[in-house]
Amino acid sequence: MARLQQGNFVSLFTGMSQIFIAAVILTVLFAVNIIGTKQAAVVNTIICAVMTGAILAFAAFGLPKADFPYIFQTGHLFYKGVPNFMAALALLSFATGGASVICQLGGEAENPGRDIPLVMIISTVLVGIMYVLVALVAVGVFPIDKVADQNLTIVAFEVLPRPVFYVFVIGAAQGATTSTLNA
């Protein structure tokens, strides 16, 4: 189980190569996108629903176990200094990459003048809320020294029941990558 705690998606499928798993995922997504935009959108909606459910489960199971006074101690807010906080913000900029994809699909939308800004605003607010919920659990369950520079599976392994943990690893971690590839 220690190997699984490292967050390696491939560790769920022992004996299979990473290249094989990646090739299968890419082939399926390629086929779906060749069929058409609407079919790719349906697949992406399913992936995003599973991913959202997995992330919300992480928050729901983890928030009761988070130590909020610990989280908001002054020394923990800018752990390792402002430069590392700024680096984290730079990494978060990748989370807004979906907005450019939405704009590129304006020709496919029925009412792009209304729908695109609406989707961008609503999705940004909802994703921001989910980031905050995940962050509260990620740094509130264990001391920050233990989880700094680690992936979420260390905390997820602690707070989630085993079946939900597997859904989290597959649905959230792999879902994020797969939905981006599909887009």
C-alpha atoms as a PDB file:
ATOM      1  CA  MET A   1       0.000   0.000   0.000  1.00  0.00           C
ATOM      2  CA  ALA A   2       2.990   2.336   0.449  1.00  0.00           C
ATOM      3  CA  ARG A   3       3.436   2.381  -3.313  1.00  0.00           C
ATOM      4  CA  LEU A   4      -0.188   3.443  -3.751  1.00  0.00           C
ATOM      5  CA  GLN A   5       0.224   6.216  -1.202  1.00  0.00           C
ATOM      6  CA  GLN A   6       2.818   7.777  -3.497  1.00  0.00           C
ATOM      7  CA  GLY A   7      -0.052   8.710  -5.774  1.00  0.00           C
ATOM      8  CA  ASN A   8       1.062   6.729  -8.753  1.00  0.00           C
ATOM      9  CA  PHE A   9      -2.067   6.037 -10.800  1.00  0.00           C
ATOM     10  CA  VAL A  10      -0.292   3.144 -12.512  1.00  0.00           C
ATOM     11  CA  SER A  11       0.221   1.486  -9.119  1.00  0.00           C
ATOM     12  CA  LEU A  12      -3.497   0.650  -9.166  1.00  0.00           C
ATOM     13  CA  PHE A  13      -2.763  -1.585 -12.150  1.00  0.00           C
ATOM     14  CA  THR A  14       0.285  -3.509 -11.029  1.00  0.00           C
ATOM     15  CA  GLY A  15       2.087  -5.310 -13.797  1.00  0.00           C
ATOM     16  CA  MET A  16       0.967  -2.893 -16.526  1.00  0.00           C
ATOM     17  CA  SER A  17       3.359  -0.389 -18.027  1.00  0.00           C
ATOM     18  CA  GLN A  18       2.748   3.334 -17.834  1.00  0.00           C
ATOM     19  CA  ILE A  19       3.238   3.594 -21.578  1.00  0.00           C
ATOM     20  CA  PHE A  20       0.528   1.005 -22.231  1.00  0.00           C
ATOM     21  CA  ILE A  21      -1.970   2.738 -19.930  1.00  0.00           C
ATOM     22  CA  ALA A  22      -1.175   6.135 -21.474  1.00  0.00           C
ATOM     23  CA  ALA A  23      -1.534   4.702 -24.987  1.00  0.00           C
ATOM     24  CA  VAL A  24      -4.942   3.204 -24.164  1.00  0.00           C
ATOM     25  CA  ILE A  25      -6.216   6.482 -22.688  1.00  0.00           C
ATOM     26  CA  LEU A  26      -4.923   8.536 -25.624  1.00  0.00           C
ATOM     27  CA  THR A  27      -6.342   6.101 -28.169  1.00  0.00           C
ATOM     28  CA  VAL A  28      -9.797   6.159 -26.572  1.00  0.00           C
ATOM     29  CA  LEU A  29      -9.798   9.962 -26.397  1.00  0.00           C
ATOM     30  CA  PHE A  30      -8.547  10.235 -29.980  1.00  0.00           C
ATOM     31  CA  ALA A  31     -11.347   7.951 -31.173  1.00  0.00           C
ATOM     32  CA  VAL A  32     -13.987   9.894 -29.260  1.00  0.00           C
ATOM     33  CA  ASN A  33     -12.752  13.196 -30.672  1.00  0.00           C
ATOM     34  CA  ILE A  34     -12.671  11.821 -34.226  1.00  0.00           C
ATOM     35  CA  ILE A  35     -16.330  10.831 -33.877  1.00  0.00           C
ATOM     36  CA  GLY A  36     -17.357  14.392 -33.046  1.00  0.00           C
ATOM     37  CA  THR A  37     -17.367  17.377 -30.735  1.00  0.00           C
ATOM     38  CA  LYS A  38     -20.671  16.482 -29.089  1.00  0.00           C
ATOM     39  CA  GLN A  39     -19.483  12.975 -28.220  1.00  0.00           C
ATOM     40  CA  ALA A  40     -16.221  14.369 -26.839  1.00  0.00           C
ATOM     41  CA  ALA A  41     -18.245  16.844 -24.769  1.00  0.00           C
ATOM     42  CA  VAL A  42     -20.353  14.016 -23.329  1.00  0.00           C
ATOM     43  CA  VAL A  43     -17.205  12.066 -22.390  1.00  0.00           C
ATOM     44  CA  ASN A  44     -15.680  15.179 -20.850  1.00  0.00           C
ATOM     45  CA  THR A  45     -18.870  15.845 -18.887  1.00  0.00           C
ATOM     46  CA  ILE A  46     -18.778  12.323 -17.452  1.00  0.00           C
ATOM     47  CA  ILE A  47     -15.087  12.638 -16.581  1.00  0.00           C
ATOM     48  CA  CYS A  48     -15.675  16.025 -14.941  1.00  0.00           C
ATOM     49  CA  ALA A  49     -18.669  14.725 -12.970  1.00  0.00           C
ATOM     50  CA  VAL A  50     -16.631  11.816 -11.584  1.00  0.00           C
ATOM     51  CA  MET A  51     -13.704  14.141 -10.867  1.00  0.00           C
ATOM     52  CA  THR A  52     -15.936  16.670  -9.107  1.00  0.00           C
ATOM     53  CA  GLY A  53     -17.555  13.918  -7.048  1.00  0.00           C
ATOM     54  CA  ALA A  54     -14.157  12.550  -6.038  1.00  0.00           C
ATOM     55  CA  ILE A  55     -12.892  15.991  -5.028  1.00  0.00           C
ATOM     56  CA  LEU A  56     -16.051  16.775  -3.072  1.00  0.00           C
ATOM     57  CA  ALA A  57     -15.798  13.396  -1.319  1.00  0.00           C
ATOM     58  CA  PHE A  58     -12.206  14.262  -0.352  1.00  0.00           C
ATOM     59  CA  ALA A  59     -13.460  17.540   1.115  1.00  0.00           C
ATOM     60  CA  ALA A  60     -16.505  15.996   2.816  1.00  0.00           C
ATOM     61  CA  PHE A  61     -14.534  13.239   4.520  1.00  0.00           C
ATOM     62  CA  GLY A  62     -11.511  15.425   5.227  1.00  0.00           C
ATOM     63  CA  LEU A  63     -12.954  18.690   6.551  1.00  0.00           C
ATOM     64  CA  PRO A  64     -14.167  17.106   9.824  1.00  0.00           C
ATOM     65  CA  LYS A  65     -10.616  15.826  10.415  1.00  0.00           C
ATOM     66  CA  ALA A  66      -8.896  19.140   9.601  1.00  0.00           C
ATOM     67  CA  ASP A  67      -7.374  21.193  12.416  1.00  0.00           C
ATOM     68  CA  PHE A  68      -8.534  24.719  11.499  1.00  0.00           C
ATOM     69  CA  PRO A  69      -6.667  26.593  14.249  1.00  0.00           C
ATOM     70  CA  TYR A  70      -3.468  24.912  13.018  1.00  0.00           C
ATOM     71  CA  ILE A  71      -4.180  25.846   9.389  1.00  0.00           C
ATOM     72  CA  PHE A  72      -4.578  29.534  10.127  1.00  0.00           C
ATOM     73  CA  GLN A  73      -1.520  29.962  12.357  1.00  0.00           C
ATOM     74  CA  THR A  74       0.540  32.792  10.909  1.00  0.00           C
ATOM     75  CA  GLY A  75       3.609  30.630  10.307  1.00  0.00           C
ATOM     76  CA  HIS A  76       1.641  28.193   8.165  1.00  0.00           C
ATOM     77  CA  LEU A  77       0.035  30.700   5.803  1.00  0.00           C
ATOM     78  CA  PHE A  78       3.232  31.415   3.863  1.00  0.00           C
ATOM     79  CA  TYR A  79       5.061  28.166   4.488  1.00  0.00           C
ATOM     80  CA  LYS A  80       8.661  28.463   3.211  1.00  0.00           C
ATOM     81  CA  GLY A  81       8.154  32.143   2.443  1.00  0.00           C
ATOM     82  CA  VAL A  82       6.505  34.462  -0.045  1.00  0.00           C
ATOM     83  CA  PRO A  83       8.585  33.276  -3.061  1.00  0.00           C
ATOM     84  CA  ASN A  84       7.186  29.746  -2.686  1.00  0.00           C
ATOM     85  CA  PHE A  85       3.686  31.166  -2.319  1.00  0.00           C
ATOM     86  CA  MET A  86       4.197  33.076  -5.567  1.00  0.00           C
ATOM     87  CA  ALA A  87       5.462  29.886  -7.246  1.00  0.00           C
ATOM     88  CA  ALA A  88       2.285  28.114  -6.114  1.00  0.00           C
ATOM     89  CA  LEU A  89       0.202  30.909  -7.615  1.00  0.00           C
ATOM     90  CA  ALA A  90       2.083  30.510 -10.894  1.00  0.00           C
ATOM     91  CA  LEU A  91       1.268  26.802 -10.905  1.00  0.00           C
ATOM     92  CA  LEU A  92      -2.382  27.594 -10.250  1.00  0.00           C
ATOM     93  CA  SER A  93      -2.439  29.642 -13.430  1.00  0.00           C
ATOM     94  CA  PHE A  94      -2.526  26.329 -15.306  1.00  0.00           C
ATOM     95  CA  ALA A  95      -5.925  25.702 -13.733  1.00  0.00           C
ATOM     96  CA  THR A  96      -7.325  28.531 -15.842  1.00  0.00           C
ATOM     97  CA  GLY A  97      -6.179  26.898 -19.084  1.00  0.00           C
ATOM     98  CA  GLY A  98      -9.672  25.581 -19.681  1.00  0.00           C
ATOM     99  CA  ALA A  99     -10.897  29.115 -20.311  1.00  0.00           C
ATOM    100  CA  SER A 100      -8.915  29.267 -23.543  1.00  0.00           C
ATOM    101  CA  VAL A 101     -10.461  25.982 -24.639  1.00  0.00           C
ATOM    102  CA  ILE A 102     -13.939  27.359 -23.965  1.00  0.00           C
ATOM    103  CA  CYS A 103     -13.169  30.380 -26.150  1.00  0.00           C
ATOM    104  CA  GLN A 104     -11.921  28.158 -28.964  1.00  0.00           C
ATOM    105  CA  LEU A 105     -15.245  26.338 -29.009  1.00  0.00           C
ATOM    106  CA  GLY A 106     -17.285  29.500 -29.545  1.00  0.00           C
ATOM    107  CA  GLY A 107     -18.260  28.332 -33.012  1.00  0.00           C
ATOM    108  CA  GLU A 108     -19.829  25.212 -31.516  1.00  0.00           C
ATOM    109  CA  ALA A 109     -21.924  27.086 -28.930  1.00  0.00           C
ATOM    110  CA  GLU A 110     -25.536  28.003 -29.642  1.00  0.00           C
ATOM    111  CA  ASN A 111     -25.286  31.436 -27.986  1.00  0.00           C
ATOM    112  CA  PRO A 112     -21.556  32.120 -27.459  1.00  0.00           C
ATOM    113  CA  GLY A 113     -22.005  35.779 -26.520  1.00  0.00           C
ATOM    114  CA  ARG A 114     -23.997  34.774 -23.457  1.00  0.00           C
ATOM    115  CA  ASP A 115     -22.800  31.231 -22.754  1.00  0.00           C
ATOM    116  CA  ILE A 116     -19.011  31.654 -22.853  1.00  0.00           C
ATOM    117  CA  PRO A 117     -18.764  34.490 -20.272  1.00  0.00           C
ATOM    118  CA  LEU A 118     -21.361  32.771 -18.089  1.00  0.00           C
ATOM    119  CA  VAL A 119     -19.514  29.444 -18.154  1.00  0.00           C
ATOM    120  CA  MET A 120     -16.185  31.146 -17.481  1.00  0.00           C
ATOM    121  CA  ILE A 121     -17.491  33.040 -14.448  1.00  0.00           C
ATOM    122  CA  ILE A 122     -19.461  30.162 -12.920  1.00  0.00           C
ATOM    123  CA  SER A 123     -16.752  27.582 -13.488  1.00  0.00           C
ATOM    124  CA  THR A 124     -14.022  29.856 -12.108  1.00  0.00           C
ATOM    125  CA  VAL A 125     -16.000  30.525  -8.917  1.00  0.00           C
ATOM    126  CA  LEU A 126     -16.892  26.844  -8.413  1.00  0.00           C
ATOM    127  CA  VAL A 127     -13.366  25.637  -9.118  1.00  0.00           C
ATOM    128  CA  GLY A 128     -12.005  28.272  -6.736  1.00  0.00           C
ATOM    129  CA  ILE A 129     -14.297  27.005  -3.977  1.00  0.00           C
ATOM    130  CA  MET A 130     -13.192  23.422  -4.638  1.00  0.00           C
ATOM    131  CA  TYR A 131      -9.518  24.474  -4.507  1.00  0.00           C
ATOM    132  CA  VAL A 132     -10.085  26.092  -1.112  1.00  0.00           C
ATOM    133  CA  LEU A 133     -11.885  23.015   0.247  1.00  0.00           C
ATOM    134  CA  VAL A 134      -9.138  20.697  -0.987  1.00  0.00           C
ATOM    135  CA  ALA A 135      -6.430  22.988   0.371  1.00  0.00           C
ATOM    136  CA  LEU A 136      -8.045  23.097   3.814  1.00  0.00           C
ATOM    137  CA  VAL A 137      -8.050  19.309   3.990  1.00  0.00           C
ATOM    138  CA  ALA A 138      -4.610  18.955   2.403  1.00  0.00           C
ATOM    139  CA  VAL A 139      -2.887  21.116   5.023  1.00  0.00           C
ATOM    140  CA  GLY A 140      -5.199  20.552   7.971  1.00  0.00           C
ATOM    141  CA  VAL A 141      -5.086  16.801   8.523  1.00  0.00           C
ATOM    142  CA  PHE A 142      -1.326  16.343   8.980  1.00  0.00           C
ATOM    143  CA  PRO A 143       1.365  18.810  10.037  1.00  0.00           C
ATOM    144  CA  ILE A 144       2.423  20.899   7.071  1.00  0.00           C
ATOM    145  CA  ASP A 145       5.969  19.501   7.205  1.00  0.00           C
ATOM    146  CA  LYS A 146       4.578  16.059   6.395  1.00  0.00           C
ATOM    147  CA  VAL A 147       2.441  17.089   3.411  1.00  0.00           C
ATOM    148  CA  ALA A 148       4.486  19.927   1.911  1.00  0.00           C
ATOM    149  CA  ASP A 149       5.663  19.058  -1.600  1.00  0.00           C
ATOM    150  CA  GLN A 150       3.603  15.835  -1.554  1.00  0.00           C
ATOM    151  CA  ASN A 151       0.533  14.866  -3.546  1.00  0.00           C
ATOM    152  CA  LEU A 152      -2.955  14.581  -2.093  1.00  0.00           C
ATOM    153  CA  THR A 153      -3.022  10.802  -1.833  1.00  0.00           C
ATOM    154  CA  ILE A 154      -1.146  10.888   1.485  1.00  0.00           C
ATOM    155  CA  VAL A 155      -4.022  12.811   3.056  1.00  0.00           C
ATOM    156  CA  ALA A 156      -6.663  10.979   0.996  1.00  0.00           C
ATOM    157  CA  PHE A 157      -5.381   7.629   2.268  1.00  0.00           C
ATOM    158  CA  GLU A 158      -5.904   8.901   5.809  1.00  0.00           C
ATOM    159  CA  VAL A 159      -9.357  10.476   5.447  1.00  0.00           C
ATOM    160  CA  LEU A 160     -11.167   8.401   2.834  1.00  0.00           C
ATOM    161  CA  PRO A 161     -12.658   4.928   3.149  1.00  0.00           C
ATOM    162  CA  ARG A 162     -10.728   2.536   0.867  1.00  0.00           C
ATOM    163  CA  PRO A 163     -13.324   2.316  -1.946  1.00  0.00           C
ATOM    164  CA  VAL A 164     -13.666   6.101  -1.992  1.00  0.00           C
ATOM    165  CA  PHE A 165      -9.870   6.412  -1.927  1.00  0.00           C
ATOM    166  CA  TYR A 166      -9.629   4.385  -5.148  1.00  0.00           C
ATOM    167  CA  VAL A 167     -12.352   6.496  -6.744  1.00  0.00           C
ATOM    168  CA  PHE A 168     -10.393   9.578  -5.676  1.00  0.00           C
ATOM    169  CA  VAL A 169      -7.131   8.352  -7.195  1.00  0.00           C
ATOM    170  CA  ILE A 170      -8.825   7.342 -10.438  1.00  0.00           C
ATOM    171  CA  GLY A 171     -11.532  10.008 -10.605  1.00  0.00           C
ATOM    172  CA  ALA A 172      -9.653  13.075  -9.402  1.00  0.00           C
ATOM    173  CA  ALA A 173      -6.045  12.480 -10.327  1.00  0.00           C
ATOM    174  CA  GLN A 174      -6.578  10.664 -13.597  1.00  0.00           C
ATOM    175  CA  GLY A 175      -9.768  12.592 -14.340  1.00  0.00           C
ATOM    176  CA  ALA A 176      -7.918  15.916 -14.261  1.00  0.00           C
ATOM    177  CA  THR A 177      -5.332  14.695 -16.729  1.00  0.00           C
ATOM    178  CA  THR A 178      -7.814  12.895 -18.957  1.00  0.00           C
ATOM    179  CA  SER A 179     -10.270  15.799 -19.153  1.00  0.00           C
ATOM    180  CA  THR A 180      -7.430  18.129 -20.118  1.00  0.00           C
ATOM    181  CA  LEU A 181      -6.237  15.717 -22.796  1.00  0.00           C
ATOM    182  CA  ASN A 182      -9.777  15.310 -24.079  1.00  0.00           C
ATOM    183  CA  ALA A 183     -10.296  19.067 -24.273  1.00  0.00           C
END
